[in-house]
């Protein structure tokens, strides 16, 4: 959340306990809310992902478009939840993003 600077406008972001317990919850962008024709405050509403129901726990602050790319069109779900539902049907494609602390040894981090 802090690395990609996505913060809730409503509700809350995904927590580690959501991942640990494989909760079927999602955090969505504002464009997703509008495209799915959800109410202004969709917290507690349900959406279907691949035939499974997920409860909306948060909506992100609007970020707008950047170079024609809608930065508000996304759904974030706990990794463990999605992995347990997908099983061996898909190959994992994981992006890992982080910000090193000030003064961190970048050579050591890259190694």
N, C-alpha and C. Protein backbone atom coordinates (compact mmCIF):
# COMPACT_ATOMS: atom_id res chain seq x y z
N UNK A 1 0.83 -1.19 0.00
CA UNK A 1 0.00 0.00 0.00
C UNK A 1 0.87 1.25 0.00
N UNK A 2 1.87 1.29 0.86
CA UNK A 2 2.70 2.49 0.95
C UNK A 2 3.64 2.61 -0.24
N UNK A 3 4.08 1.49 -0.78
CA UNK A 3 5.01 1.52 -1.91
C UNK A 3 4.36 2.10 -3.15
N UNK A 4 3.15 1.65 -3.46
CA UNK A 4 2.47 2.15 -4.65
C UNK A 4 1.58 3.35 -4.34
N UNK A 5 1.58 3.77 -3.09
CA UNK A 5 0.86 4.96 -2.63
C UNK A 5 -0.62 4.93 -2.99
N UNK A 6 -1.28 3.86 -2.55
CA UNK A 6 -2.72 3.70 -2.73
C UNK A 6 -3.33 3.74 -1.33
N UNK A 7 -4.21 4.72 -1.13
CA UNK A 7 -4.82 4.90 0.19
C UNK A 7 -6.34 4.93 0.07
N UNK A 8 -7.03 4.47 1.11
CA UNK A 8 -8.49 4.42 1.05
C UNK A 8 -9.15 5.80 1.11
N UNK A 9 -10.14 5.96 0.27
CA UNK A 9 -11.05 7.10 0.33
C UNK A 9 -12.21 6.70 1.22
N UNK A 10 -12.58 5.42 1.13
CA UNK A 10 -13.63 4.83 1.94
C UNK A 10 -13.15 3.46 2.41
N UNK A 11 -13.57 3.06 3.59
CA UNK A 11 -13.23 1.73 4.08
C UNK A 11 -11.76 1.62 4.44
N UNK A 12 -11.19 0.45 4.14
CA UNK A 12 -9.80 0.18 4.51
C UNK A 12 -9.10 -0.61 3.42
N UNK A 13 -7.78 -0.71 3.54
CA UNK A 13 -6.96 -1.49 2.62
C UNK A 13 -6.88 -2.93 3.14
N UNK A 14 -6.37 -3.82 2.31
CA UNK A 14 -6.16 -5.24 2.68
C UNK A 14 -5.16 -5.29 3.84
N UNK A 15 -5.43 -6.13 4.82
CA UNK A 15 -4.53 -6.33 5.97
C UNK A 15 -3.88 -7.69 5.89
N UNK A 16 -2.80 -7.86 6.63
CA UNK A 16 -2.12 -9.16 6.65
C UNK A 16 -3.05 -10.26 7.17
N UNK A 17 -3.95 -9.92 8.08
CA UNK A 17 -4.89 -10.94 8.60
C UNK A 17 -5.87 -11.40 7.52
N UNK A 18 -6.19 -10.51 6.57
CA UNK A 18 -7.05 -10.92 5.45
C UNK A 18 -6.34 -11.99 4.63
N UNK A 19 -5.04 -11.79 4.43
CA UNK A 19 -4.23 -12.75 3.67
C UNK A 19 -4.05 -14.04 4.47
N UNK A 20 -3.72 -13.92 5.74
CA UNK A 20 -3.51 -15.11 6.60
C UNK A 20 -4.76 -15.99 6.64
N UNK A 21 -5.92 -15.37 6.67
CA UNK A 21 -7.18 -16.12 6.80
C UNK A 21 -7.87 -16.37 5.46
N UNK A 22 -7.20 -15.97 4.39
CA UNK A 22 -7.74 -16.16 3.03
C UNK A 22 -9.16 -15.62 2.90
N UNK A 23 -9.33 -14.43 3.42
CA UNK A 23 -10.65 -13.80 3.34
C UNK A 23 -10.95 -13.39 1.91
N UNK A 24 -12.21 -13.48 1.56
CA UNK A 24 -12.66 -13.09 0.22
C UNK A 24 -13.11 -11.63 0.27
N UNK A 25 -12.12 -10.76 0.28
CA UNK A 25 -12.35 -9.32 0.35
C UNK A 25 -11.55 -8.65 -0.76
N UNK A 26 -12.00 -7.46 -1.19
CA UNK A 26 -11.30 -6.71 -2.23
C UNK A 26 -11.26 -5.23 -1.90
N UNK A 27 -10.23 -4.59 -2.42
CA UNK A 27 -10.04 -3.14 -2.37
C UNK A 27 -10.06 -2.70 -3.82
N UNK A 28 -10.90 -1.74 -4.16
CA UNK A 28 -11.08 -1.38 -5.57
C UNK A 28 -10.75 0.09 -5.84
N UNK A 29 -10.47 0.38 -7.10
CA UNK A 29 -10.27 1.74 -7.55
C UNK A 29 -11.61 2.37 -7.90
N UNK A 30 -11.63 3.71 -7.92
CA UNK A 30 -12.88 4.44 -8.18
C UNK A 30 -13.45 4.14 -9.56
N UNK A 31 -12.62 3.99 -10.59
CA UNK A 31 -13.13 3.67 -11.92
C UNK A 31 -13.81 2.31 -11.94
N UNK A 32 -13.27 1.37 -11.20
CA UNK A 32 -13.89 0.04 -11.09
C UNK A 32 -15.27 0.17 -10.46
N UNK A 33 -15.37 0.98 -9.40
CA UNK A 33 -16.67 1.20 -8.75
C UNK A 33 -17.70 1.73 -9.75
N UNK A 34 -17.27 2.70 -10.55
CA UNK A 34 -18.18 3.30 -11.53
C UNK A 34 -18.55 2.31 -12.64
N UNK A 35 -17.56 1.58 -13.15
CA UNK A 35 -17.83 0.63 -14.24
C UNK A 35 -18.76 -0.49 -13.81
N UNK A 36 -18.68 -0.89 -12.55
CA UNK A 36 -19.55 -1.95 -12.03
C UNK A 36 -20.89 -1.39 -11.54
N UNK A 37 -21.08 -0.08 -11.70
CA UNK A 37 -22.32 0.61 -11.31
C UNK A 37 -22.67 0.33 -9.85
N UNK A 38 -21.64 0.43 -9.00
CA UNK A 38 -21.83 0.24 -7.57
C UNK A 38 -22.25 1.57 -6.93
N UNK A 39 -22.89 1.53 -5.76
CA UNK A 39 -23.30 2.77 -5.11
C UNK A 39 -22.08 3.63 -4.72
N UNK A 40 -22.35 4.90 -4.39
CA UNK A 40 -21.29 5.82 -3.97
C UNK A 40 -20.45 5.23 -2.84
N UNK A 41 -21.11 4.57 -1.90
CA UNK A 41 -20.40 3.89 -0.81
C UNK A 41 -20.65 2.39 -0.95
N UNK A 42 -19.74 1.67 -1.63
CA UNK A 42 -19.97 0.24 -1.88
C UNK A 42 -19.44 -0.69 -0.78
N UNK A 43 -18.98 -0.13 0.34
CA UNK A 43 -18.42 -0.96 1.40
C UNK A 43 -19.48 -1.95 1.87
N UNK A 44 -19.12 -3.23 1.86
CA UNK A 44 -20.05 -4.29 2.25
C UNK A 44 -20.77 -4.93 1.08
N UNK A 45 -20.70 -4.29 -0.10
CA UNK A 45 -21.30 -4.89 -1.30
C UNK A 45 -20.43 -6.06 -1.76
N UNK A 46 -20.99 -6.91 -2.62
CA UNK A 46 -20.26 -8.07 -3.13
C UNK A 46 -20.09 -7.97 -4.64
N UNK A 47 -18.92 -8.44 -5.12
CA UNK A 47 -18.68 -8.57 -6.56
C UNK A 47 -18.19 -9.98 -6.82
N UNK A 48 -18.37 -10.44 -8.04
CA UNK A 48 -17.96 -11.79 -8.42
C UNK A 48 -16.66 -11.73 -9.21
N UNK A 49 -15.68 -12.52 -8.79
CA UNK A 49 -14.41 -12.68 -9.50
C UNK A 49 -14.26 -14.15 -9.83
N UNK A 50 -14.24 -14.48 -11.10
CA UNK A 50 -14.10 -15.87 -11.54
C UNK A 50 -15.11 -16.78 -10.86
N UNK A 51 -16.32 -16.30 -10.70
CA UNK A 51 -17.38 -17.12 -10.12
C UNK A 51 -17.38 -17.18 -8.60
N UNK A 52 -16.51 -16.44 -7.94
CA UNK A 52 -16.44 -16.43 -6.48
C UNK A 52 -16.84 -15.04 -5.99
N UNK A 53 -17.56 -14.97 -4.87
CA UNK A 53 -18.03 -13.70 -4.34
C UNK A 53 -17.03 -13.11 -3.35
N UNK A 54 -16.76 -11.82 -3.52
CA UNK A 54 -15.84 -11.08 -2.66
C UNK A 54 -16.55 -9.84 -2.12
N UNK A 55 -16.31 -9.54 -0.85
CA UNK A 55 -16.91 -8.35 -0.22
C UNK A 55 -15.96 -7.17 -0.39
N UNK A 56 -16.50 -6.03 -0.77
CA UNK A 56 -15.70 -4.82 -0.92
C UNK A 56 -15.45 -4.23 0.46
N UNK A 57 -14.17 -4.02 0.79
CA UNK A 57 -13.81 -3.45 2.09
C UNK A 57 -13.25 -2.04 1.96
N UNK A 58 -12.90 -1.62 0.74
CA UNK A 58 -12.35 -0.29 0.59
C UNK A 58 -12.34 0.18 -0.85
N UNK A 59 -12.37 1.51 -1.00
CA UNK A 59 -12.26 2.17 -2.30
C UNK A 59 -11.12 3.17 -2.20
N UNK A 60 -10.25 3.17 -3.20
CA UNK A 60 -9.08 4.03 -3.18
C UNK A 60 -9.40 5.48 -3.54
N UNK A 61 -8.54 6.36 -3.07
CA UNK A 61 -8.61 7.76 -3.49
C UNK A 61 -8.36 7.81 -5.00
N UNK A 62 -9.04 8.71 -5.66
CA UNK A 62 -8.86 8.84 -7.12
C UNK A 62 -7.48 9.37 -7.43
N UNK A 63 -6.87 8.77 -8.47
CA UNK A 63 -5.55 9.22 -8.91
C UNK A 63 -5.61 9.80 -10.31
N UNK A 64 -6.68 9.51 -11.05
CA UNK A 64 -6.83 10.05 -12.39
C UNK A 64 -6.04 9.27 -13.43
N UNK A 65 -5.89 9.86 -14.59
CA UNK A 65 -5.16 9.22 -15.69
C UNK A 65 -3.74 9.76 -15.78
N UNK A 66 -2.85 8.92 -16.25
CA UNK A 66 -1.46 9.31 -16.47
C UNK A 66 -1.06 8.75 -17.83
N UNK A 67 -0.75 9.64 -18.76
CA UNK A 67 -0.41 9.24 -20.13
C UNK A 67 -1.49 8.35 -20.75
N UNK A 68 -2.76 8.67 -20.45
CA UNK A 68 -3.89 7.93 -21.00
C UNK A 68 -4.19 6.62 -20.28
N UNK A 69 -3.45 6.31 -19.23
CA UNK A 69 -3.66 5.08 -18.46
C UNK A 69 -4.51 5.40 -17.23
N UNK A 70 -5.65 4.73 -17.09
CA UNK A 70 -6.55 4.93 -15.96
C UNK A 70 -5.94 4.29 -14.72
N UNK A 71 -5.50 5.10 -13.78
CA UNK A 71 -4.87 4.60 -12.56
C UNK A 71 -5.87 4.16 -11.49
N UNK A 72 -7.16 4.25 -11.81
CA UNK A 72 -8.20 3.91 -10.84
C UNK A 72 -9.01 2.68 -11.24
N UNK A 73 -8.54 1.94 -12.22
CA UNK A 73 -9.26 0.78 -12.72
C UNK A 73 -8.54 -0.50 -12.27
N UNK A 74 -8.81 -0.93 -11.04
CA UNK A 74 -8.15 -2.14 -10.54
C UNK A 74 -8.93 -2.72 -9.36
N UNK A 75 -8.61 -3.97 -9.08
CA UNK A 75 -9.15 -4.69 -7.93
C UNK A 75 -7.96 -5.36 -7.25
N UNK A 76 -7.85 -5.18 -5.95
CA UNK A 76 -6.78 -5.83 -5.19
C UNK A 76 -7.42 -6.80 -4.21
N UNK A 77 -6.95 -8.04 -4.22
CA UNK A 77 -7.45 -9.09 -3.31
C UNK A 77 -6.25 -9.71 -2.60
N UNK A 78 -6.46 -10.33 -1.45
CA UNK A 78 -5.34 -10.98 -0.74
C UNK A 78 -4.71 -12.08 -1.62
N UNK A 79 -3.39 -12.10 -1.65
CA UNK A 79 -2.67 -13.06 -2.48
C UNK A 79 -3.03 -14.50 -2.12
N UNK A 80 -3.02 -14.84 -0.83
CA UNK A 80 -3.31 -16.23 -0.42
C UNK A 80 -4.71 -16.67 -0.82
N UNK A 81 -5.65 -15.75 -0.77
CA UNK A 81 -7.02 -16.06 -1.18
C UNK A 81 -7.05 -16.45 -2.65
N UNK A 82 -6.45 -15.60 -3.48
CA UNK A 82 -6.47 -15.86 -4.92
C UNK A 82 -5.68 -17.13 -5.27
N UNK A 83 -4.55 -17.35 -4.60
CA UNK A 83 -3.75 -18.54 -4.87
C UNK A 83 -4.53 -19.81 -4.50
N UNK A 84 -5.27 -19.77 -3.38
CA UNK A 84 -6.03 -20.95 -2.98
C UNK A 84 -7.18 -21.23 -3.94
N UNK A 85 -7.76 -20.19 -4.51
CA UNK A 85 -8.85 -20.38 -5.46
C UNK A 85 -8.34 -20.84 -6.82
N UNK A 86 -7.17 -20.37 -7.22
CA UNK A 86 -6.62 -20.72 -8.53
C UNK A 86 -6.00 -22.10 -8.53
N UNK A 87 -5.45 -22.51 -7.39
CA UNK A 87 -4.79 -23.82 -7.32
C UNK A 87 -3.68 -23.91 -8.32
N UNK A 88 -3.60 -25.00 -9.05
CA UNK A 88 -2.53 -25.20 -10.03
C UNK A 88 -2.95 -24.79 -11.44
N UNK A 89 -4.11 -24.13 -11.57
CA UNK A 89 -4.61 -23.76 -12.89
C UNK A 89 -3.83 -22.66 -13.57
N UNK A 90 -3.12 -21.84 -12.80
CA UNK A 90 -2.42 -20.71 -13.40
C UNK A 90 -0.96 -20.69 -12.95
N UNK A 91 -0.16 -20.07 -13.78
CA UNK A 91 1.23 -19.83 -13.42
C UNK A 91 1.29 -18.49 -12.72
N UNK A 92 1.97 -18.43 -11.61
CA UNK A 92 2.04 -17.18 -10.86
C UNK A 92 2.88 -16.16 -11.60
N UNK A 93 2.40 -14.95 -11.60
CA UNK A 93 3.12 -13.81 -12.14
C UNK A 93 3.11 -12.75 -11.05
N UNK A 94 4.20 -12.60 -10.36
CA UNK A 94 4.24 -11.74 -9.19
C UNK A 94 5.20 -10.58 -9.43
N UNK A 95 4.72 -9.37 -9.15
CA UNK A 95 5.57 -8.19 -9.16
C UNK A 95 5.83 -7.83 -7.71
N UNK A 96 7.09 -7.63 -7.38
CA UNK A 96 7.44 -7.23 -6.02
C UNK A 96 8.00 -5.82 -6.09
N UNK A 97 7.41 -4.91 -5.34
CA UNK A 97 7.86 -3.52 -5.33
C UNK A 97 8.17 -3.12 -3.90
N UNK A 98 9.23 -2.36 -3.73
CA UNK A 98 9.58 -1.87 -2.40
C UNK A 98 10.41 -0.60 -2.55
N UNK A 99 10.51 0.15 -1.47
CA UNK A 99 11.34 1.35 -1.42
C UNK A 99 12.41 1.11 -0.37
N UNK A 100 13.68 1.10 -0.77
CA UNK A 100 14.75 0.92 0.22
C UNK A 100 14.80 2.11 1.18
N UNK A 101 15.19 1.84 2.40
CA UNK A 101 15.34 2.90 3.39
C UNK A 101 16.48 3.82 2.97
N UNK A 102 16.42 5.05 3.40
CA UNK A 102 17.48 6.01 3.10
C UNK A 102 18.81 5.45 3.59
N UNK A 103 19.83 5.51 2.74
CA UNK A 103 21.16 5.03 3.11
C UNK A 103 21.35 3.54 2.94
N UNK A 104 20.35 2.83 2.41
CA UNK A 104 20.47 1.38 2.23
C UNK A 104 21.53 1.07 1.18
N UNK A 105 22.21 -0.05 1.34
CA UNK A 105 23.25 -0.48 0.41
C UNK A 105 22.57 -1.14 -0.79
N UNK A 106 22.47 -0.41 -1.91
CA UNK A 106 21.76 -0.92 -3.08
C UNK A 106 22.44 -2.12 -3.71
N UNK A 107 23.76 -2.18 -3.66
CA UNK A 107 24.47 -3.34 -4.21
C UNK A 107 24.08 -4.61 -3.45
N UNK A 108 23.98 -4.50 -2.15
CA UNK A 108 23.59 -5.64 -1.31
C UNK A 108 22.15 -6.05 -1.61
N UNK A 109 21.27 -5.08 -1.79
CA UNK A 109 19.87 -5.38 -2.07
C UNK A 109 19.74 -6.07 -3.44
N UNK A 110 20.46 -5.58 -4.44
CA UNK A 110 20.40 -6.18 -5.76
C UNK A 110 20.93 -7.60 -5.76
N UNK A 111 21.97 -7.84 -4.99
CA UNK A 111 22.54 -9.19 -4.90
C UNK A 111 21.53 -10.13 -4.27
